[in-house]
């Protein structure tokens, strides 16, 4: 298996671990000292922060699945477009549960070192996701 295939496989295991809410599997792929360049409010640093983010995702969304749409691998990095799907059954980013299906498309860049994820940049389309469940979002007047 070549390097590109190994990194794609590692990324797939990461998404599967998050979707399964599996902290042990996450610890097998994420460095304890990972740097998340886009943490959510209140997220601690390192692996504990990724677990915090994962737990928050599952607290707000039941039946969570993650589907990798596209990947591009270069050197030690994976760039990906992926989709999270779930049912909005709990508070999520300040929005009370709606019971509606929710889809979050995300663009991510991840850097791996010695088989472990060491850096993560993620840009989720929260505007699209919130619009899908009927949340009213307004831009501040300028």
N, C-alpha and C. Protein backbone atom coordinates (compact mmCIF):
# COMPACT_ATOMS: atom_id res chain seq x y z
N UNK A 1 0.85 -1.18 0.00
CA UNK A 1 0.00 0.00 0.00
C UNK A 1 0.89 1.24 0.00
N UNK A 2 0.63 2.16 -0.94
CA UNK A 2 1.41 3.38 -1.03
C UNK A 2 1.01 4.40 0.03
N UNK A 3 1.82 5.45 0.14
CA UNK A 3 1.57 6.49 1.13
C UNK A 3 0.19 7.13 0.97
N UNK A 4 -0.20 7.45 -0.27
CA UNK A 4 -1.50 8.08 -0.49
C UNK A 4 -2.63 7.20 0.01
N UNK A 5 -2.55 5.90 -0.28
CA UNK A 5 -3.58 4.97 0.18
C UNK A 5 -3.60 4.86 1.70
N UNK A 6 -2.42 4.87 2.33
CA UNK A 6 -2.34 4.81 3.80
C UNK A 6 -3.00 6.03 4.43
N UNK A 7 -2.74 7.20 3.86
CA UNK A 7 -3.33 8.42 4.41
C UNK A 7 -4.85 8.46 4.19
N UNK A 8 -5.30 8.02 3.04
CA UNK A 8 -6.75 7.95 2.80
C UNK A 8 -7.41 6.98 3.78
N UNK A 9 -6.76 5.86 4.02
CA UNK A 9 -7.30 4.86 4.95
C UNK A 9 -7.33 5.43 6.37
N UNK A 10 -6.28 6.15 6.77
CA UNK A 10 -6.23 6.76 8.10
C UNK A 10 -7.34 7.80 8.24
N UNK A 11 -7.56 8.59 7.21
CA UNK A 11 -8.63 9.58 7.25
C UNK A 11 -9.99 8.89 7.37
N UNK A 12 -10.20 7.82 6.64
CA UNK A 12 -11.45 7.06 6.74
C UNK A 12 -11.67 6.51 8.14
N UNK A 13 -10.59 6.03 8.78
CA UNK A 13 -10.71 5.53 10.16
C UNK A 13 -11.07 6.66 11.12
N UNK A 14 -10.53 7.84 10.88
CA UNK A 14 -10.86 9.00 11.70
C UNK A 14 -12.35 9.33 11.61
N UNK A 15 -12.87 9.41 10.41
CA UNK A 15 -14.28 9.73 10.21
C UNK A 15 -15.15 8.65 10.84
N UNK A 16 -14.77 7.39 10.67
CA UNK A 16 -15.54 6.28 11.26
C UNK A 16 -15.52 6.36 12.78
N UNK A 17 -14.39 6.71 13.38
CA UNK A 17 -14.29 6.82 14.84
C UNK A 17 -15.20 7.93 15.36
N UNK A 18 -15.21 9.08 14.68
CA UNK A 18 -16.07 10.18 15.10
C UNK A 18 -17.54 9.78 14.95
N UNK A 19 -17.89 9.19 13.82
CA UNK A 19 -19.28 8.78 13.60
C UNK A 19 -19.74 7.77 14.64
N UNK A 20 -18.84 6.90 15.09
CA UNK A 20 -19.17 5.87 16.08
C UNK A 20 -19.07 6.39 17.52
N UNK A 21 -18.60 7.65 17.69
CA UNK A 21 -18.41 8.22 19.02
C UNK A 21 -17.44 7.35 19.83
N UNK A 22 -16.39 6.88 19.17
CA UNK A 22 -15.45 5.91 19.73
C UNK A 22 -14.14 6.59 20.14
N UNK A 23 -14.06 6.94 21.40
CA UNK A 23 -12.88 7.64 21.92
C UNK A 23 -11.61 6.80 21.80
N UNK A 24 -11.71 5.49 22.02
CA UNK A 24 -10.53 4.62 21.91
C UNK A 24 -10.01 4.57 20.48
N UNK A 25 -10.91 4.44 19.52
CA UNK A 25 -10.48 4.43 18.11
C UNK A 25 -9.87 5.77 17.73
N UNK A 26 -10.44 6.85 18.24
CA UNK A 26 -9.91 8.19 17.98
C UNK A 26 -8.48 8.30 18.51
N UNK A 27 -8.25 7.78 19.71
CA UNK A 27 -6.92 7.83 20.31
C UNK A 27 -5.91 7.02 19.50
N UNK A 28 -6.38 6.06 18.72
CA UNK A 28 -5.49 5.25 17.89
C UNK A 28 -5.07 5.92 16.60
N UNK A 29 -5.68 7.07 16.27
CA UNK A 29 -5.37 7.76 15.03
C UNK A 29 -4.98 9.22 15.23
N UNK A 30 -5.36 9.80 16.38
CA UNK A 30 -5.12 11.22 16.64
C UNK A 30 -4.00 11.38 17.67
N UNK A 31 -3.02 12.22 17.36
CA UNK A 31 -1.93 12.49 18.29
C UNK A 31 -2.47 13.16 19.55
N UNK A 32 -1.91 12.80 20.72
CA UNK A 32 -2.34 13.48 21.96
C UNK A 32 -2.14 15.00 21.89
N UNK A 33 -1.18 15.44 21.07
CA UNK A 33 -0.84 16.86 20.97
C UNK A 33 -1.37 17.51 19.69
N UNK A 34 -2.39 16.93 19.07
CA UNK A 34 -2.94 17.49 17.83
C UNK A 34 -3.23 18.97 17.98
N UNK A 35 -3.02 19.71 16.90
CA UNK A 35 -3.37 21.13 16.86
C UNK A 35 -4.59 21.26 15.95
N UNK A 36 -5.70 21.71 16.52
CA UNK A 36 -6.92 21.97 15.76
C UNK A 36 -6.94 23.47 15.49
N UNK A 37 -6.83 23.84 14.22
CA UNK A 37 -6.75 25.25 13.85
C UNK A 37 -8.11 25.95 13.79
N UNK A 38 -9.18 25.22 14.10
CA UNK A 38 -10.52 25.83 14.10
C UNK A 38 -11.35 25.28 15.24
N UNK A 39 -10.88 25.40 16.48
CA UNK A 39 -11.62 24.80 17.59
C UNK A 39 -12.96 25.48 17.82
N UNK A 40 -13.91 24.70 18.36
CA UNK A 40 -15.20 25.27 18.75
C UNK A 40 -15.03 25.96 20.10
N UNK A 41 -15.93 26.88 20.45
CA UNK A 41 -15.81 27.56 21.75
C UNK A 41 -15.74 26.57 22.91
N UNK A 42 -14.78 26.80 23.80
CA UNK A 42 -14.62 25.96 24.98
C UNK A 42 -13.82 24.70 24.76
N UNK A 43 -13.36 24.47 23.52
CA UNK A 43 -12.63 23.24 23.21
C UNK A 43 -11.23 23.28 23.78
N UNK A 44 -10.86 22.27 24.60
CA UNK A 44 -9.50 22.23 25.12
C UNK A 44 -8.51 21.82 24.02
N UNK A 45 -7.22 22.00 24.26
CA UNK A 45 -6.23 21.62 23.26
C UNK A 45 -6.03 20.10 23.21
N UNK A 46 -5.38 19.67 22.13
CA UNK A 46 -4.97 18.27 22.01
C UNK A 46 -6.11 17.30 21.75
N UNK A 47 -5.82 16.03 21.96
CA UNK A 47 -6.80 14.97 21.75
C UNK A 47 -8.07 15.21 22.57
N UNK A 48 -7.92 15.72 23.77
CA UNK A 48 -9.10 16.01 24.61
C UNK A 48 -10.04 16.97 23.90
N UNK A 49 -9.51 17.88 23.11
CA UNK A 49 -10.33 18.82 22.37
C UNK A 49 -11.09 18.15 21.23
N UNK A 50 -10.46 17.20 20.57
CA UNK A 50 -11.13 16.48 19.50
C UNK A 50 -12.25 15.62 20.09
N UNK A 51 -11.99 15.02 21.24
CA UNK A 51 -13.03 14.24 21.94
C UNK A 51 -14.18 15.17 22.35
N UNK A 52 -13.87 16.35 22.87
CA UNK A 52 -14.87 17.34 23.25
C UNK A 52 -15.75 17.70 22.06
N UNK A 53 -15.12 17.96 20.91
CA UNK A 53 -15.85 18.29 19.68
C UNK A 53 -16.75 17.12 19.25
N UNK A 54 -16.19 15.91 19.28
CA UNK A 54 -16.95 14.72 18.90
C UNK A 54 -18.16 14.52 19.81
N UNK A 55 -17.96 14.65 21.11
CA UNK A 55 -19.06 14.48 22.06
C UNK A 55 -20.15 15.53 21.83
N UNK A 56 -19.76 16.76 21.53
CA UNK A 56 -20.73 17.81 21.25
C UNK A 56 -21.53 17.53 19.99
N UNK A 57 -20.86 17.00 18.99
CA UNK A 57 -21.54 16.62 17.75
C UNK A 57 -22.60 15.56 18.03
N UNK A 58 -22.25 14.56 18.82
CA UNK A 58 -23.19 13.48 19.15
C UNK A 58 -24.28 13.93 20.12
N UNK A 59 -23.99 14.91 20.96
CA UNK A 59 -25.03 15.42 21.88
C UNK A 59 -26.15 16.12 21.10
N UNK A 60 -25.80 16.74 19.99
CA UNK A 60 -26.80 17.46 19.21
C UNK A 60 -27.40 16.67 18.06
N UNK A 61 -26.68 15.66 17.58
CA UNK A 61 -27.12 14.93 16.40
C UNK A 61 -27.15 13.43 16.68
N UNK A 62 -28.31 12.83 16.57
CA UNK A 62 -28.40 11.37 16.69
C UNK A 62 -28.29 10.76 15.30
N UNK A 63 -28.07 9.46 15.25
CA UNK A 63 -27.94 8.74 13.98
C UNK A 63 -26.85 9.34 13.10
N UNK A 64 -25.77 9.80 13.71
CA UNK A 64 -24.70 10.49 12.99
C UNK A 64 -23.94 9.54 12.07
N UNK A 65 -23.75 9.98 10.84
CA UNK A 65 -22.91 9.27 9.88
C UNK A 65 -21.97 10.28 9.23
N UNK A 66 -20.84 9.79 8.79
CA UNK A 66 -19.89 10.61 8.06
C UNK A 66 -19.56 9.93 6.74
N UNK A 67 -19.61 10.68 5.66
CA UNK A 67 -19.33 10.12 4.34
C UNK A 67 -18.26 10.97 3.66
N UNK A 68 -17.17 10.33 3.28
CA UNK A 68 -16.09 11.02 2.58
C UNK A 68 -16.48 11.11 1.11
N UNK A 69 -16.58 12.33 0.61
CA UNK A 69 -16.98 12.57 -0.78
C UNK A 69 -15.76 12.57 -1.72
N UNK A 70 -14.72 13.30 -1.34
CA UNK A 70 -13.52 13.44 -2.16
C UNK A 70 -12.30 13.56 -1.26
N UNK A 71 -11.18 13.07 -1.73
CA UNK A 71 -9.91 13.31 -1.05
C UNK A 71 -8.83 13.61 -2.08
N UNK A 72 -7.90 14.44 -1.66
CA UNK A 72 -6.69 14.71 -2.43
C UNK A 72 -5.55 14.56 -1.44
N UNK A 73 -4.56 13.78 -1.80
CA UNK A 73 -3.43 13.54 -0.90
C UNK A 73 -2.16 14.07 -1.54
N UNK A 74 -1.41 14.82 -0.76
CA UNK A 74 -0.11 15.30 -1.22
C UNK A 74 0.83 15.32 -0.03
N UNK A 75 1.93 14.62 -0.16
CA UNK A 75 2.90 14.56 0.92
C UNK A 75 2.29 13.95 2.17
N UNK A 76 2.28 14.72 3.26
CA UNK A 76 1.73 14.24 4.53
C UNK A 76 0.34 14.78 4.82
N UNK A 77 -0.32 15.38 3.79
CA UNK A 77 -1.62 16.01 4.00
C UNK A 77 -2.72 15.36 3.17
N UNK A 78 -3.92 15.36 3.78
CA UNK A 78 -5.14 14.94 3.10
C UNK A 78 -6.07 16.15 3.07
N UNK A 79 -6.55 16.49 1.88
CA UNK A 79 -7.60 17.49 1.74
C UNK A 79 -8.86 16.71 1.40
N UNK A 80 -9.96 17.05 2.05
CA UNK A 80 -11.17 16.26 1.86
C UNK A 80 -12.41 17.13 1.88
N UNK A 81 -13.41 16.63 1.16
CA UNK A 81 -14.77 17.16 1.25
C UNK A 81 -15.60 16.02 1.79
N UNK A 82 -16.26 16.27 2.89
CA UNK A 82 -17.04 15.19 3.51
C UNK A 82 -18.36 15.73 4.03
N UNK A 83 -19.28 14.80 4.28
CA UNK A 83 -20.63 15.17 4.72
C UNK A 83 -20.99 14.41 5.98
N UNK A 84 -21.40 15.16 7.00
CA UNK A 84 -21.98 14.58 8.22
C UNK A 84 -23.49 14.65 8.06
N UNK A 85 -24.18 13.59 8.47
CA UNK A 85 -25.64 13.59 8.47
C UNK A 85 -26.12 13.07 9.82
N UNK A 86 -27.21 13.65 10.30
CA UNK A 86 -27.80 13.19 11.55
C UNK A 86 -29.17 13.81 11.72
N UNK A 87 -29.78 13.51 12.85
CA UNK A 87 -31.07 14.08 13.20
C UNK A 87 -30.82 15.03 14.38
N UNK A 88 -31.30 16.25 14.26
CA UNK A 88 -31.06 17.29 15.25
C UNK A 88 -31.97 17.06 16.47
N UNK A 89 -31.49 16.21 17.39
CA UNK A 89 -32.30 15.80 18.55
C UNK A 89 -31.84 16.41 19.87
N UNK A 90 -30.80 17.22 19.83
CA UNK A 90 -30.31 17.86 21.05
C UNK A 90 -29.78 19.24 20.71
N UNK A 91 -29.42 20.03 21.71
CA UNK A 91 -28.87 21.36 21.44
C UNK A 91 -27.60 21.22 20.58
N UNK A 92 -27.51 22.06 19.57
CA UNK A 92 -26.36 22.01 18.66
C UNK A 92 -25.94 23.43 18.32
N UNK A 93 -24.74 23.81 18.77
CA UNK A 93 -24.20 25.15 18.54
C UNK A 93 -25.21 26.24 18.91
N UNK A 94 -25.85 26.04 20.05
CA UNK A 94 -26.77 27.03 20.58
C UNK A 94 -28.20 26.93 20.06
N UNK A 95 -28.46 26.02 19.14
CA UNK A 95 -29.82 25.87 18.62
C UNK A 95 -30.52 24.71 19.32
N UNK A 96 -31.72 24.94 19.83
CA UNK A 96 -32.45 23.83 20.45
C UNK A 96 -32.85 22.79 19.40
N UNK A 97 -33.07 21.57 19.84
CA UNK A 97 -33.41 20.47 18.95
C UNK A 97 -34.64 20.79 18.11
N UNK A 98 -34.60 20.37 16.85
CA UNK A 98 -35.73 20.57 15.94
C UNK A 98 -36.34 19.24 15.51
N UNK A 99 -35.62 18.14 15.69
CA UNK A 99 -36.08 16.84 15.22
C UNK A 99 -35.92 16.66 13.72
N UNK A 100 -35.31 17.62 13.05
CA UNK A 100 -35.15 17.57 11.60
C UNK A 100 -33.81 16.93 11.22
N UNK A 101 -33.79 16.35 10.03
CA UNK A 101 -32.54 15.83 9.49
C UNK A 101 -31.62 17.01 9.19
N UNK A 102 -30.34 16.79 9.42
CA UNK A 102 -29.35 17.84 9.25
C UNK A 102 -28.17 17.29 8.47
N UNK A 103 -27.67 18.08 7.53
CA UNK A 103 -26.50 17.72 6.74
C UNK A 103 -25.48 18.83 6.88
N UNK A 104 -24.24 18.47 7.21
CA UNK A 104 -23.17 19.45 7.30
C UNK A 104 -22.06 19.02 6.35
N UNK A 105 -21.83 19.82 5.33
CA UNK A 105 -20.72 19.57 4.41
C UNK A 105 -19.51 20.30 4.96
N UNK A 106 -18.36 19.63 4.94
CA UNK A 106 -17.16 20.22 5.51
C UNK A 106 -15.97 20.00 4.57
N UNK A 107 -15.13 21.01 4.51
CA UNK A 107 -13.86 20.91 3.79
C UNK A 107 -12.78 20.84 4.87
N UNK A 108 -11.91 19.87 4.75
CA UNK A 108 -10.89 19.67 5.77
C UNK A 108 -9.52 19.47 5.13
N UNK A 109 -8.51 19.93 5.85
CA UNK A 109 -7.12 19.61 5.52
C UNK A 109 -6.52 19.04 6.79
N UNK A 110 -5.90 17.89 6.65
CA UNK A 110 -5.33 17.19 7.81
C UNK A 110 -3.88 16.84 7.52
N UNK A 111 -3.03 16.99 8.53
CA UNK A 111 -1.63 16.60 8.38
C UNK A 111 -1.34 15.43 9.31
N UNK A 112 -0.74 14.40 8.74
CA UNK A 112 -0.40 13.19 9.47
C UNK A 112 1.11 13.09 9.64
N UNK A 113 1.51 12.48 10.75
CA UNK A 113 2.92 12.24 11.04
C UNK A 113 3.02 10.90 11.74
N UNK A 114 3.82 9.99 11.19
CA UNK A 114 4.00 8.65 11.77
C UNK A 114 2.65 7.95 12.00
N UNK A 115 1.70 8.14 11.08
CA UNK A 115 0.41 7.46 11.17
C UNK A 115 -0.61 8.14 12.05
N UNK A 116 -0.25 9.25 12.68
CA UNK A 116 -1.17 9.96 13.58
C UNK A 116 -1.51 11.34 13.01
N UNK A 117 -2.77 11.74 13.23
CA UNK A 117 -3.21 13.07 12.84
C UNK A 117 -2.61 14.07 13.81
N UNK A 118 -1.85 15.06 13.27
CA UNK A 118 -1.18 16.04 14.13
C UNK A 118 -1.69 17.47 13.95
N UNK A 119 -2.34 17.74 12.80
CA UNK A 119 -2.93 19.06 12.58
C UNK A 119 -4.22 18.89 11.81
N UNK A 120 -5.22 19.76 12.12
CA UNK A 120 -6.54 19.67 11.50
C UNK A 120 -7.06 21.08 11.25
N UNK A 121 -7.38 21.35 10.00
CA UNK A 121 -8.08 22.57 9.61
C UNK A 121 -9.44 22.13 9.08
N UNK A 122 -10.52 22.69 9.57
CA UNK A 122 -11.84 22.29 9.10
C UNK A 122 -12.74 23.50 8.90
N UNK A 123 -13.48 23.49 7.80
CA UNK A 123 -14.41 24.57 7.50
C UNK A 123 -15.77 23.95 7.18
N UNK A 124 -16.66 23.86 8.19
CA UNK A 124 -17.98 23.31 7.95
C UNK A 124 -18.93 24.38 7.40
N UNK A 125 -19.85 23.98 6.55
CA UNK A 125 -20.87 24.89 6.02
C UNK A 125 -22.03 24.94 7.02
N UNK A 126 -21.84 25.68 8.10
CA UNK A 126 -22.88 25.78 9.12
C UNK A 126 -24.06 26.62 8.65
N UNK A 127 -23.82 27.61 7.82
CA UNK A 127 -24.92 28.41 7.29
C UNK A 127 -25.88 27.52 6.51
N UNK A 128 -25.35 26.68 5.63
CA UNK A 128 -26.18 25.76 4.87
C UNK A 128 -26.90 24.77 5.77
N UNK A 129 -26.20 24.26 6.78
CA UNK A 129 -26.80 23.30 7.70
C UNK A 129 -27.94 23.93 8.50
N UNK A 130 -27.70 25.12 9.03
CA UNK A 130 -28.72 25.78 9.83
C UNK A 130 -29.92 26.18 8.98
N UNK A 131 -29.66 26.62 7.76
CA UNK A 131 -30.75 26.98 6.85
C UNK A 131 -31.63 25.76 6.58
N UNK A 132 -31.00 24.60 6.46
CA UNK A 132 -31.71 23.36 6.17
C UNK A 132 -32.74 23.01 7.25
N UNK A 133 -32.44 23.37 8.51
CA UNK A 133 -33.37 23.05 9.59
C UNK A 133 -34.27 24.23 9.94
N UNK A 134 -34.20 25.29 9.14
CA UNK A 134 -35.09 26.43 9.33
C UNK A 134 -34.62 27.43 10.35
N UNK A 135 -33.36 27.35 10.75
CA UNK A 135 -32.84 28.34 11.70
C UNK A 135 -32.69 29.68 10.98
N UNK A 136 -33.08 30.72 11.65
CA UNK A 136 -32.99 32.04 11.06
C UNK A 136 -31.65 32.65 11.43
N UNK A 137 -30.82 32.85 10.43
CA UNK A 137 -29.51 33.44 10.64
C UNK A 137 -29.47 34.80 9.97
N UNK A 138 -28.93 35.75 10.67
CA UNK A 138 -28.84 37.10 10.11
C UNK A 138 -27.42 37.58 10.20
N UNK A 139 -26.98 38.26 9.16
CA UNK A 139 -25.67 38.90 9.18
C UNK A 139 -25.82 40.22 9.90
N UNK A 140 -24.81 40.62 10.66
CA UNK A 140 -24.90 41.90 11.35
C UNK A 140 -24.96 43.06 10.35
N UNK A 141 -25.75 44.07 10.68
CA UNK A 141 -25.83 45.25 9.81
C UNK A 141 -24.49 45.96 9.85
N UNK A 142 -24.07 46.44 8.72
CA UNK A 142 -22.74 47.06 8.65
C UNK A 142 -22.73 48.47 8.43
